[in-house]
């Protein structure tokens, strides 16, 4: 589906199945988006709905490849996939860009699975949206003058939701809600 070749491998037999995958590729520098280029005043946006991936999405998802390529061509300033949780991955962008982030909790697109896990409790579902990993949606920042044209073009190309959920602010003004459960911690 994504024109990726499987080359080589390391197979052995054991009581427990394990798999390691490494992917190497090339990107056009003109359309390579880093975490480190968010600017104060940029809007913070996400694709799709967040939280509750443990109910199956983390094992059955389609990477947002086409959406990411489209966003790169629309001039987003920073981007990351949400694999560690919204709060944790926004923190990655904020740290790399030396900025802060302010989110509007009322705008966070909560998935049906997050609501199911929270037994319909919006506050608990929001916790899942902020902290669950493996949503594999895109989190990105974009300047105000580029956001509105992007939204118009987005609707022409994709059925996936695109939601503006906050703004990038100066690091001293950071109001990122710090939750007890940050998201996935690698180490």
Protein backbone atom coordinates (compact mmCIF):
# COMPACT_ATOMS: atom_id res chain seq x y z
CA UNK A 1 0.00 0.00 0.00
CA UNK A 2 2.86 2.41 0.79
CA UNK A 3 5.46 1.01 -1.65
CA UNK A 4 7.73 -0.30 1.10
CA UNK A 5 9.99 -3.26 0.39
CA UNK A 6 10.75 -5.93 2.96
CA UNK A 7 14.48 -6.61 2.77
CA UNK A 8 16.13 -9.26 4.88
CA UNK A 9 15.01 -10.35 8.30
CA UNK A 10 15.95 -12.07 11.49
CA UNK A 11 13.76 -15.08 12.19
CA UNK A 12 14.00 -17.55 15.02
CA UNK A 13 11.72 -19.86 16.94
CA UNK A 14 10.71 -19.26 20.53
CA UNK A 15 7.88 -19.48 23.06
CA UNK A 16 7.11 -15.76 22.68
CA UNK A 17 6.76 -13.89 19.40
CA UNK A 18 8.70 -10.65 19.12
CA UNK A 19 9.35 -8.39 16.19
CA UNK A 20 11.70 -5.50 15.51
CA UNK A 21 11.18 -3.23 12.53
CA UNK A 22 13.43 -0.51 11.16
CA UNK A 23 12.38 1.74 8.31
CA UNK A 24 14.73 4.05 6.46
CA UNK A 25 13.63 6.53 3.86
CA UNK A 26 14.35 9.80 2.17
CA UNK A 27 12.34 13.00 2.29
CA UNK A 28 12.43 16.07 0.11
CA UNK A 29 14.04 18.72 2.37
CA UNK A 30 11.57 21.27 1.00
CA UNK A 31 8.68 19.29 2.53
CA UNK A 32 10.35 17.93 5.66
CA UNK A 33 8.54 19.18 8.76
CA UNK A 34 10.35 19.21 12.10
CA UNK A 35 9.13 19.45 15.68
CA UNK A 36 11.38 22.44 16.24
CA UNK A 37 9.74 25.14 14.11
CA UNK A 38 6.53 26.04 15.97
CA UNK A 39 6.25 29.79 16.52
CA UNK A 40 4.40 31.90 19.07
CA UNK A 41 0.98 32.70 17.64
CA UNK A 42 0.71 29.49 15.58
CA UNK A 43 -2.47 27.46 15.96
CA UNK A 44 -2.27 23.90 17.31
CA UNK A 45 -4.34 21.40 15.29
CA UNK A 46 -5.01 17.66 15.16
CA UNK A 47 -6.43 15.20 12.68
CA UNK A 48 -9.09 12.68 13.68
CA UNK A 49 -10.36 11.90 17.17
CA UNK A 50 -8.23 11.06 20.19
CA UNK A 51 -8.08 8.52 23.00
CA UNK A 52 -9.19 4.94 23.56
CA UNK A 53 -6.82 3.32 21.06
CA UNK A 54 -6.44 0.32 23.38
CA UNK A 55 -9.86 -0.86 22.16
CA UNK A 56 -8.27 -1.76 18.83
CA UNK A 57 -7.05 1.25 16.87
CA UNK A 58 -3.44 0.73 18.00
CA UNK A 59 -3.42 -2.62 16.19
CA UNK A 60 -5.54 -1.61 13.22
CA UNK A 61 -4.81 1.84 11.81
CA UNK A 62 -3.80 3.47 8.56
CA UNK A 63 -0.90 5.92 8.94
CA UNK A 64 -1.81 9.47 7.94
CA UNK A 65 0.80 9.47 5.14
CA UNK A 66 -1.26 11.32 2.52
CA UNK A 67 -2.54 13.77 5.11
CA UNK A 68 1.00 14.45 6.36
CA UNK A 69 2.29 15.04 2.85
CA UNK A 70 -0.62 17.38 2.16
CA UNK A 71 0.02 19.31 5.39
CA UNK A 72 3.72 19.64 4.58
CA UNK A 73 2.83 21.26 1.25
CA UNK A 74 0.42 23.65 3.00
CA UNK A 75 3.23 25.15 5.08
CA UNK A 76 2.66 23.76 8.57
CA UNK A 77 5.42 24.90 10.91
CA UNK A 78 5.84 21.79 13.12
CA UNK A 79 4.32 18.30 13.12
CA UNK A 80 4.39 14.97 14.96
CA UNK A 81 2.23 11.86 15.00
CA UNK A 82 0.41 11.23 18.26
CA UNK A 83 1.96 8.00 19.45
CA UNK A 84 2.74 8.94 23.06
CA UNK A 85 -0.48 10.87 23.80
CA UNK A 86 -1.58 14.41 22.91
CA UNK A 87 -0.09 16.02 26.01
CA UNK A 88 3.25 14.22 25.71
CA UNK A 89 3.62 14.84 21.97
CA UNK A 90 2.69 18.52 22.25
CA UNK A 91 5.37 18.71 24.92
CA UNK A 92 7.86 17.30 22.38
CA UNK A 93 6.99 20.10 19.93
CA UNK A 94 7.07 22.75 22.69
CA UNK A 95 10.46 21.60 24.00
CA UNK A 96 12.05 21.32 20.55
CA UNK A 97 10.65 24.71 19.48
CA UNK A 98 11.38 26.40 22.84
CA UNK A 99 7.76 27.58 23.13
CA UNK A 100 4.71 26.78 25.21
CA UNK A 101 1.28 25.49 24.30
CA UNK A 102 -2.20 26.48 25.39
CA UNK A 103 -5.05 24.08 24.60
CA UNK A 104 -8.80 24.58 24.78
CA UNK A 105 -10.13 21.38 26.36
CA UNK A 106 -13.59 22.07 24.92
CA UNK A 107 -12.16 21.68 21.39
CA UNK A 108 -10.31 18.38 21.89
CA UNK A 109 -11.92 15.81 19.54
CA UNK A 110 -12.61 12.83 21.81
CA UNK A 111 -13.10 9.42 20.18
CA UNK A 112 -16.07 7.14 20.75
CA UNK A 113 -13.66 4.57 22.19
CA UNK A 114 -12.39 7.08 24.78
CA UNK A 115 -16.01 7.76 25.77
CA UNK A 116 -16.63 4.01 25.94
CA UNK A 117 -13.63 3.49 28.23
CA UNK A 118 -14.83 6.39 30.39
CA UNK A 119 -18.38 4.99 30.50
CA UNK A 120 -19.70 8.20 28.94
CA UNK A 121 -17.96 10.53 31.40
CA UNK A 122 -16.64 13.43 29.26
CA UNK A 123 -14.00 14.46 31.83
CA UNK A 124 -12.55 10.94 32.02
CA UNK A 125 -12.77 10.56 28.23
CA UNK A 126 -10.83 13.80 27.88
CA UNK A 127 -8.13 12.30 30.10
CA UNK A 128 -7.86 9.44 27.60
CA UNK A 129 -7.67 11.93 24.71
CA UNK A 130 -4.81 13.77 26.44
CA UNK A 131 -2.84 10.80 27.69
CA UNK A 132 -3.53 7.61 25.71
CA UNK A 133 -0.84 6.68 23.24
CA UNK A 134 -1.02 5.12 19.81
CA UNK A 135 -3.70 7.36 18.31
CA UNK A 136 -1.44 7.85 15.27
CA UNK A 137 -3.20 11.07 14.37
CA UNK A 138 -1.22 14.14 13.34
CA UNK A 139 -0.55 17.03 15.71
CA UNK A 140 0.71 20.15 13.97
CA UNK A 141 1.15 23.89 14.23
CA UNK A 142 0.36 26.43 11.54
CA UNK A 143 0.29 30.21 11.26
CA UNK A 144 -3.06 31.99 11.36
CA UNK A 145 -2.80 33.23 7.77
CA UNK A 146 -2.29 29.64 6.53
CA UNK A 147 -4.90 27.90 8.72
CA UNK A 148 -8.09 29.12 7.08
CA UNK A 149 -7.03 28.33 3.49
CA UNK A 150 -5.78 24.94 4.73
CA UNK A 151 -9.15 24.12 6.32
CA UNK A 152 -10.94 24.92 3.06
CA UNK A 153 -8.59 22.75 0.98
CA UNK A 154 -8.60 19.96 3.59
CA UNK A 155 -12.35 19.42 3.22
CA UNK A 156 -11.91 19.01 -0.55
CA UNK A 157 -9.36 16.20 -0.12
CA UNK A 158 -10.10 14.33 3.12
CA UNK A 159 -13.00 12.97 5.16
CA UNK A 160 -10.79 12.88 8.27
CA UNK A 161 -11.61 15.62 10.75
CA UNK A 162 -9.18 18.48 11.24
CA UNK A 163 -9.59 20.48 14.46
CA UNK A 164 -7.89 23.61 15.78
CA UNK A 165 -7.41 22.93 19.51
CA UNK A 166 -5.10 25.66 20.82
CA UNK A 167 -2.26 28.09 20.26
CA UNK A 168 1.48 28.25 20.66
CA UNK A 169 2.48 30.77 23.32
CA UNK A 170 5.73 32.04 24.81
CA UNK A 171 7.38 29.46 27.03
CA UNK A 172 6.82 31.61 30.15
CA UNK A 173 3.07 31.62 29.48
CA UNK A 174 2.70 27.86 29.09
CA UNK A 175 -0.62 26.65 30.36
CA UNK A 176 -0.36 23.03 29.25
CA UNK A 177 -2.43 21.13 31.75
CA UNK A 178 -0.13 18.75 33.56
CA UNK A 179 -2.00 15.58 34.24
CA UNK A 180 -0.94 12.84 36.61
CA UNK A 181 -0.64 10.51 33.63
CA UNK A 182 1.52 12.30 31.05
CA UNK A 183 1.33 9.78 28.25
CA UNK A 184 3.74 7.05 27.23
CA UNK A 185 7.19 7.43 28.78
CA UNK A 186 9.91 5.60 26.81
CA UNK A 187 12.52 5.60 29.58
